[in-house]
Amino acid sequence: MEISDFVFNFLIFSFCLIFTKFSKKYSFLLDSYSENHKKFIKRNNETLIIGFSCIPLFIYLFIIFKIKFLLFIPIFYLFGLLSDLGLIRSPQKRFLLQIFLFFFLITIFQIKIDETRLELLDSLLANNYFNISFSIFCLMVLMNGSNFIDGINTLLIGYLLIIFFILLLINQNINADYRLIKILLIFLSFIFILNFFQLSFLGDGGAYSLSVLVGLFLMDISNNNQLNFFTQHHLSPFFIILLLWYPCFENLFSIIRRVLKKKETVLADNSHLHHYLYRVIKNVFKNENYYINSLTGCIINAYNFIIFYFSRNYFYSSKFCISIIIFNITIYICSYYFLKNYVKNKKIP
């Protein structure tokens, strides 16, 4: 890693810290941010500055790596910012705009999923129209799921931080850009500090743009890792799915849950796993200080870190990765209904 990479991220961190202090002093706050997020923080005076810091990050990465789609990702940030500002309130409009943006991104930059190791699905992916549709679906699930889990401090940033740490550990066995991974690790580490102490947060703009970047980066890693002559192993596409299982399943589970309850699937609610866990922890500690919120995110991420760290040695085994994904889903569902019933029985607000 070059010293300039650390200096760049430190400058972003310093700017975020200074601007956060400035914004609080002069009430330069985003008061129109989602009420659902505000219900789970003690103070309403957070700023969106670390979400905005993604823009110079994308520009810096483009200058170094010349990855063309990096110049398109800020559009997702602007789209999310409009949502943060309350200028795009309709869930239906957001849904249609997401489809349009992903279709444009995928077709212009010819992004696709090469293989999944599922014979039937791979035969369907050979069709260009199906591949485009499936790629749009996967990225939308990831992006919206990432936005869901961003309702608790440290949860999304910490989760992405873990992903890049695991990629760093297996970097010698896969074809991935070491420097790019290190830059993103440093960036996420700095903004994690701000988010942990509830000084600032990503907002929809930051969650959208970062999740799209991570999704595209992991798709590229999956597509470019063929047989490694030293390890004699492919990188299993299911290892990539494993790394992204939590935000994706959070989204899919929420949709299924709302359909079963005959509720609008595109409307936000406060019935996610992290919301119930937050209520339980808040009840145990008998206060609502910021560290209770941050602790909730850290607990969930601690589980995912243990799972990913253990699984890193089996990145080539689709059977193993599928088994772990099923295990995670089982743990999620059991934990969800246990926490939900606990909150209901104890009448925790």
Protein backbone atom coordinates (compact mmCIF):
# COMPACT_ATOMS: atom_id res chain seq x y z
CA MET A 1 0.00 0.00 0.00
CA GLU A 2 1.28 3.43 -0.89
CA ILE A 3 1.54 6.17 1.72
CA SER A 4 -0.66 8.41 -0.46
CA ASP A 5 -3.58 6.02 0.05
CA PHE A 6 -3.41 6.39 3.83
CA VAL A 7 -2.94 10.16 3.58
CA PHE A 8 -5.96 10.46 1.27
CA ASN A 9 -8.19 8.53 3.66
CA PHE A 10 -6.86 10.45 6.66
CA LEU A 11 -7.70 13.72 4.92
CA ILE A 12 -11.24 12.48 4.26
CA PHE A 13 -11.56 11.45 7.90
CA SER A 14 -10.27 14.85 9.09
CA PHE A 15 -12.65 16.67 6.76
CA CYS A 16 -15.58 14.59 8.04
CA LEU A 17 -14.65 15.29 11.64
CA ILE A 18 -14.26 19.05 11.11
CA PHE A 19 -17.40 19.36 9.04
CA THR A 20 -19.37 17.36 11.60
CA LYS A 21 -18.41 19.84 14.31
CA PHE A 22 -19.20 22.75 11.98
CA SER A 23 -22.58 21.35 10.99
CA LYS A 24 -23.66 20.84 14.59
CA LYS A 25 -22.57 24.36 15.59
CA TYR A 26 -24.49 26.01 12.76
CA SER A 27 -27.38 23.55 12.65
CA PHE A 28 -26.39 22.42 9.18
CA LEU A 29 -28.25 19.16 9.63
CA LEU A 30 -30.39 16.91 7.52
CA ASP A 31 -33.57 17.10 9.61
CA SER A 32 -35.70 15.50 6.90
CA TYR A 33 -33.84 12.20 7.14
CA SER A 34 -35.99 9.09 7.57
CA GLU A 35 -38.10 9.09 10.73
CA ASN A 36 -37.63 5.32 10.92
CA HIS A 37 -33.90 5.86 11.45
CA LYS A 38 -34.48 8.55 14.05
CA LYS A 39 -36.56 6.20 16.18
CA PHE A 40 -33.46 4.14 16.84
CA ILE A 41 -31.01 6.89 17.76
CA LYS A 42 -31.06 9.02 20.89
CA ARG A 43 -30.06 12.23 19.12
CA ASN A 44 -31.39 13.58 15.85
CA ASN A 45 -28.39 15.79 15.08
CA GLU A 46 -26.30 13.43 13.00
CA THR A 47 -25.04 14.57 9.61
CA LEU A 48 -24.71 12.81 6.29
CA ILE A 49 -21.12 13.88 5.73
CA ILE A 50 -19.57 10.38 5.71
CA GLY A 51 -22.06 9.45 3.01
CA PHE A 52 -20.84 12.41 0.99
CA SER A 53 -17.22 11.32 1.55
CA CYS A 54 -17.88 8.40 -0.81
CA ILE A 55 -17.73 10.82 -3.76
CA PRO A 56 -14.04 11.76 -3.42
CA LEU A 57 -13.33 8.09 -2.73
CA PHE A 58 -14.84 7.04 -6.09
CA ILE A 59 -12.93 9.78 -7.92
CA TYR A 60 -9.67 8.77 -6.23
CA LEU A 61 -10.22 5.11 -7.14
CA PHE A 62 -10.99 6.04 -10.74
CA ILE A 63 -7.80 8.08 -11.05
CA ILE A 64 -5.72 5.15 -9.75
CA PHE A 65 -7.44 2.12 -11.29
CA LYS A 66 -9.19 3.62 -14.34
CA ILE A 67 -12.33 1.59 -13.64
CA LYS A 68 -14.94 3.30 -15.80
CA PHE A 69 -18.08 2.37 -13.87
CA LEU A 70 -16.70 4.22 -10.82
CA LEU A 71 -17.73 7.48 -12.47
CA PHE A 72 -21.31 6.21 -12.70
CA ILE A 73 -21.68 5.12 -9.06
CA PRO A 74 -21.99 8.73 -7.73
CA ILE A 75 -25.32 8.82 -9.55
CA PHE A 76 -26.55 6.22 -7.04
CA TYR A 77 -25.32 8.51 -4.27
CA LEU A 78 -27.27 11.45 -5.71
CA PHE A 79 -30.33 9.23 -6.08
CA GLY A 80 -30.07 8.19 -2.44
CA LEU A 81 -29.46 11.79 -1.36
CA LEU A 82 -32.72 12.85 -3.01
CA SER A 83 -34.40 10.17 -0.94
CA ASP A 84 -32.64 11.41 2.22
CA LEU A 85 -33.87 14.93 1.49
CA GLY A 86 -37.41 13.68 1.04
CA LEU A 87 -37.54 14.71 -2.61
CA ILE A 88 -38.32 11.17 -3.78
CA ARG A 89 -40.81 9.87 -1.26
CA SER A 90 -42.73 7.42 -3.42
CA PRO A 91 -41.41 3.83 -2.97
CA GLN A 92 -42.77 2.96 -6.41
CA LYS A 93 -40.79 5.79 -8.04
CA ARG A 94 -37.63 4.73 -6.19
CA PHE A 95 -38.14 1.15 -7.34
CA LEU A 96 -38.54 2.14 -11.00
CA LEU A 97 -35.57 4.53 -10.85
CA GLN A 98 -33.41 1.77 -9.39
CA ILE A 99 -34.31 -0.57 -12.24
CA PHE A 100 -33.52 2.14 -14.78
CA LEU A 101 -30.17 3.02 -13.20
CA PHE A 102 -29.06 -0.60 -12.94
CA PHE A 103 -30.18 -1.37 -16.47
CA PHE A 104 -28.19 1.59 -17.75
CA LEU A 105 -25.13 0.64 -15.67
CA ILE A 106 -25.17 -3.03 -16.69
CA THR A 107 -25.78 -2.49 -20.39
CA ILE A 108 -23.34 0.41 -20.83
CA PHE A 109 -20.46 -1.28 -19.01
CA GLN A 110 -21.43 -4.83 -20.08
CA ILE A 111 -21.57 -6.16 -16.55
CA LYS A 112 -22.76 -9.74 -16.17
CA ILE A 113 -22.65 -12.85 -14.00
CA ASP A 114 -20.60 -15.54 -15.73
CA GLU A 115 -21.45 -18.60 -13.66
CA THR A 116 -23.14 -19.83 -10.49
CA ARG A 117 -22.22 -23.54 -10.66
CA LEU A 118 -25.92 -24.34 -10.86
CA GLU A 119 -26.41 -26.00 -14.25
CA LEU A 120 -29.97 -24.81 -14.86
CA LEU A 121 -29.27 -21.23 -13.80
CA ASP A 122 -26.03 -21.11 -15.79
CA SER A 123 -27.88 -22.23 -18.91
CA LEU A 124 -30.36 -19.40 -18.39
CA LEU A 125 -27.54 -16.91 -17.79
CA ALA A 126 -26.23 -17.75 -21.26
CA ASN A 127 -29.18 -15.73 -22.52
CA ASN A 128 -28.15 -12.08 -22.49
CA TYR A 129 -31.62 -10.73 -21.57
CA PHE A 130 -31.94 -13.12 -18.64
CA ASN A 131 -28.41 -12.30 -17.50
CA ILE A 132 -29.19 -8.58 -17.50
CA SER A 133 -32.45 -9.13 -15.58
CA PHE A 134 -30.81 -11.45 -13.05
CA SER A 135 -27.88 -9.06 -12.52
CA ILE A 136 -30.30 -6.18 -11.93
CA PHE A 137 -32.24 -8.31 -9.44
CA CYS A 138 -29.10 -9.30 -7.49
CA LEU A 139 -27.75 -5.75 -7.26
CA MET A 140 -31.14 -4.34 -6.24
CA VAL A 141 -31.52 -6.93 -3.49
CA LEU A 142 -28.04 -6.11 -2.19
CA MET A 143 -28.49 -2.33 -2.39
CA ASN A 144 -31.88 -2.22 -0.66
CA GLY A 145 -30.83 -4.81 1.92
CA SER A 146 -27.75 -2.73 2.70
CA ASN A 147 -29.96 0.32 3.15
CA PHE A 148 -32.19 -1.67 5.53
CA ILE A 149 -29.35 -2.67 7.84
CA ASP A 150 -27.96 0.88 7.82
CA GLY A 151 -30.76 1.74 10.28
CA ILE A 152 -28.38 0.78 13.11
CA ASN A 153 -25.03 2.50 13.60
CA THR A 154 -21.89 0.52 12.57
CA LEU A 155 -23.93 -2.32 11.07
CA LEU A 156 -23.48 -1.65 7.35
CA ILE A 157 -20.05 -0.02 7.57
CA GLY A 158 -18.79 -2.75 9.90
CA TYR A 159 -20.19 -5.47 7.67
CA LEU A 160 -18.45 -4.09 4.57
CA LEU A 161 -15.28 -3.71 6.61
CA ILE A 162 -15.39 -7.42 7.47
CA ILE A 163 -15.88 -8.38 3.81
CA PHE A 164 -12.74 -6.55 2.71
CA PHE A 165 -10.76 -7.88 5.66
CA ILE A 166 -11.65 -11.45 4.62
CA LEU A 167 -10.71 -10.67 1.01
CA LEU A 168 -7.38 -9.38 2.29
CA LEU A 169 -6.78 -12.66 4.14
CA ILE A 170 -7.41 -14.82 1.06
CA ASN A 171 -5.82 -12.39 -1.41
CA GLN A 172 -2.93 -14.73 -2.16
CA ASN A 173 -5.38 -17.39 -3.33
CA ILE A 174 -7.60 -15.25 -5.53
CA ASN A 175 -7.18 -12.79 -8.38
CA ALA A 176 -8.10 -9.47 -6.76
CA ASP A 177 -6.47 -6.05 -6.58
CA TYR A 178 -4.60 -5.94 -3.26
CA ARG A 179 -4.22 -2.15 -3.26
CA LEU A 180 -7.90 -1.53 -3.94
CA ILE A 181 -8.84 -3.78 -1.03
CA LYS A 182 -6.44 -1.95 1.30
CA ILE A 183 -7.76 1.49 0.27
CA LEU A 184 -11.34 0.46 0.97
CA LEU A 185 -10.31 -1.12 4.27
CA ILE A 186 -8.70 2.11 5.46
CA PHE A 187 -11.64 4.22 4.26
CA LEU A 188 -14.20 2.04 6.02
CA SER A 189 -12.10 1.92 9.20
CA PHE A 190 -12.03 5.72 9.42
CA ILE A 191 -15.74 6.24 8.79
CA PHE A 192 -16.57 3.36 11.16
CA ILE A 193 -15.12 5.47 13.99
CA LEU A 194 -17.41 8.40 13.16
CA ASN A 195 -20.44 6.16 12.86
CA PHE A 196 -19.67 4.25 16.08
CA PHE A 197 -19.70 7.46 18.12
CA GLN A 198 -22.80 8.61 16.25
CA LEU A 199 -21.07 11.69 14.86
CA SER A 200 -22.21 11.02 11.31
CA PHE A 201 -23.86 8.39 9.14
CA LEU A 202 -24.13 7.19 5.55
CA GLY A 203 -27.76 7.89 4.73
CA ASP A 204 -29.41 6.36 1.67
CA GLY A 205 -26.83 7.96 -0.62
CA GLY A 206 -23.85 6.42 1.14
CA ALA A 207 -25.56 3.05 1.60
CA TYR A 208 -26.63 2.88 -2.05
CA SER A 209 -23.28 3.89 -3.56
CA LEU A 210 -21.06 1.78 -1.29
CA SER A 211 -23.20 -1.34 -1.66
CA VAL A 212 -23.21 -1.00 -5.46
CA LEU A 213 -19.42 -0.60 -5.43
CA VAL A 214 -19.00 -3.71 -3.26
CA GLY A 215 -21.48 -5.71 -5.35
CA LEU A 216 -19.73 -4.88 -8.62
CA PHE A 217 -16.30 -5.49 -7.11
CA LEU A 218 -17.30 -8.94 -5.84
CA MET A 219 -18.97 -9.81 -9.16
CA ASP A 220 -15.72 -8.93 -10.89
CA ILE A 221 -13.71 -11.08 -8.48
CA SER A 222 -16.07 -14.01 -9.03
CA ASN A 223 -15.91 -13.69 -12.82
CA ASN A 224 -12.12 -13.31 -12.95
CA ASN A 225 -11.11 -16.17 -10.69
CA GLN A 226 -10.72 -19.24 -12.79
CA LEU A 227 -8.56 -22.24 -11.87
CA ASN A 228 -5.59 -21.22 -9.76
CA PHE A 229 -2.55 -23.32 -10.70
CA PHE A 230 -1.05 -23.04 -7.23
CA THR A 231 -4.09 -24.01 -5.16
CA GLN A 232 -5.89 -25.95 -7.90
CA HIS A 233 -9.14 -24.38 -6.73
CA HIS A 234 -11.71 -22.05 -8.20
CA LEU A 235 -13.26 -19.33 -6.11
CA SER A 236 -16.79 -20.58 -5.61
CA PRO A 237 -19.53 -18.08 -6.56
CA PHE A 238 -21.28 -19.24 -3.40
CA PHE A 239 -18.44 -17.83 -1.32
CA ILE A 240 -19.33 -14.43 -2.79
CA ILE A 241 -22.98 -15.08 -1.95
CA LEU A 242 -21.91 -16.06 1.57
CA LEU A 243 -20.08 -12.75 1.99
CA LEU A 244 -23.25 -10.89 0.99
CA TRP A 245 -25.81 -13.17 2.62
CA TYR A 246 -26.91 -10.88 5.46
CA PRO A 247 -28.10 -7.71 3.66
CA CYS A 248 -29.53 -9.80 0.81
CA PHE A 249 -31.46 -12.13 3.10
CA GLU A 250 -32.58 -9.19 5.23
CA ASN A 251 -34.22 -7.74 2.13
CA LEU A 252 -35.76 -11.00 0.87
CA PHE A 253 -36.99 -11.99 4.34
CA SER A 254 -38.60 -8.56 4.78
CA ILE A 255 -40.41 -8.91 1.46
CA ILE A 256 -41.68 -12.40 2.34
CA ARG A 257 -42.70 -11.24 5.83
CA ARG A 258 -44.70 -8.33 4.43
CA VAL A 259 -46.34 -10.43 1.73
CA LEU A 260 -47.50 -12.97 4.33
CA LYS A 261 -48.91 -10.14 6.44
CA LYS A 262 -50.45 -8.57 3.33
CA LYS A 263 -48.50 -5.36 3.82
CA GLU A 264 -46.96 -3.10 1.20
CA THR A 265 -43.61 -4.71 0.36
CA VAL A 266 -41.87 -1.45 -0.57
CA LEU A 267 -42.68 0.48 2.60
CA ALA A 268 -40.11 0.77 5.40
CA ASP A 269 -40.83 -0.65 8.85
CA ASN A 270 -39.10 -1.21 12.19
CA SER A 271 -39.54 -4.97 12.34
CA HIS A 272 -36.08 -6.06 11.21
CA LEU A 273 -33.81 -8.33 13.22
CA HIS A 274 -31.50 -5.48 14.24
CA HIS A 275 -34.46 -3.43 15.48
CA TYR A 276 -35.63 -6.22 17.80
CA LEU A 277 -32.09 -6.85 19.02
CA TYR A 278 -31.67 -3.14 19.72
CA ARG A 279 -34.86 -3.07 21.80
CA VAL A 280 -33.73 -6.06 23.85
CA ILE A 281 -30.26 -4.60 24.52
CA LYS A 282 -31.79 -1.22 25.36
CA ASN A 283 -34.09 -2.94 27.85
CA VAL A 284 -31.19 -4.84 29.43
CA PHE A 285 -29.02 -1.73 29.91
CA LYS A 286 -32.01 0.49 30.75
CA ASN A 287 -30.85 3.43 28.63
CA GLU A 288 -30.80 4.70 25.06
CA ASN A 289 -27.27 6.09 24.76
CA TYR A 290 -25.56 5.93 21.38
CA TYR A 291 -23.35 3.03 22.40
CA ILE A 292 -26.42 0.78 22.76
CA ASN A 293 -27.21 1.43 19.10
CA SER A 294 -23.60 0.87 18.04
CA LEU A 295 -23.32 -2.21 20.25
CA THR A 296 -26.26 -3.77 18.41
CA GLY A 297 -24.46 -3.46 15.08
CA CYS A 298 -21.22 -4.79 16.56
CA ILE A 299 -22.93 -7.90 17.97
CA ILE A 300 -24.43 -8.83 14.60
CA ASN A 301 -21.13 -8.14 12.87
CA ALA A 302 -19.24 -10.22 15.43
CA TYR A 303 -21.34 -13.22 14.41
CA ASN A 304 -20.68 -12.60 10.71
CA PHE A 305 -16.97 -12.10 11.32
CA ILE A 306 -16.69 -15.48 13.05
CA ILE A 307 -18.59 -17.18 10.23
CA PHE A 308 -16.56 -15.54 7.46
CA TYR A 309 -13.23 -16.08 9.21
CA PHE A 310 -13.98 -19.76 9.66
CA SER A 311 -15.20 -20.10 6.06
CA ARG A 312 -12.26 -18.35 4.42
CA ASN A 313 -10.29 -21.61 4.13
CA TYR A 314 -13.14 -23.18 2.12
CA PHE A 315 -13.64 -20.41 -0.44
CA TYR A 316 -13.43 -23.01 -3.22
CA SER A 317 -16.10 -25.39 -1.88
CA SER A 318 -19.62 -24.65 -3.11
CA LYS A 319 -21.10 -27.40 -0.91
CA PHE A 320 -19.49 -25.95 2.20
CA CYS A 321 -20.53 -22.38 1.35
CA ILE A 322 -24.12 -23.44 0.63
CA SER A 323 -24.23 -25.29 3.95
CA ILE A 324 -23.01 -22.21 5.82
CA ILE A 325 -25.53 -19.99 4.01
CA ILE A 326 -28.35 -22.35 5.04
CA PHE A 327 -26.98 -22.38 8.60
CA ASN A 328 -26.93 -18.56 8.67
CA ILE A 329 -30.50 -18.33 7.40
CA THR A 330 -31.63 -20.81 10.06
CA ILE A 331 -29.88 -18.84 12.81
CA TYR A 332 -31.39 -15.61 11.47
CA ILE A 333 -34.97 -16.91 11.41
CA CYS A 334 -34.71 -18.54 14.87
CA SER A 335 -33.14 -15.39 16.34
CA TYR A 336 -35.71 -13.16 14.66
CA TYR A 337 -38.75 -14.91 16.11
CA PHE A 338 -37.12 -15.41 19.51
CA LEU A 339 -36.35 -11.69 19.78
CA LYS A 340 -39.73 -10.70 18.37
CA ASN A 341 -41.58 -12.85 20.92
CA TYR A 342 -39.33 -11.60 23.73
CA VAL A 343 -40.08 -7.97 22.84
CA LYS A 344 -43.78 -8.73 22.59
CA ASN A 345 -43.98 -10.67 25.88
CA LYS A 346 -41.93 -8.11 27.79
CA LYS A 347 -43.85 -5.28 26.10
CA ILE A 348 -40.63 -3.49 25.22
CA PRO A 349 -41.32 -0.25 23.28
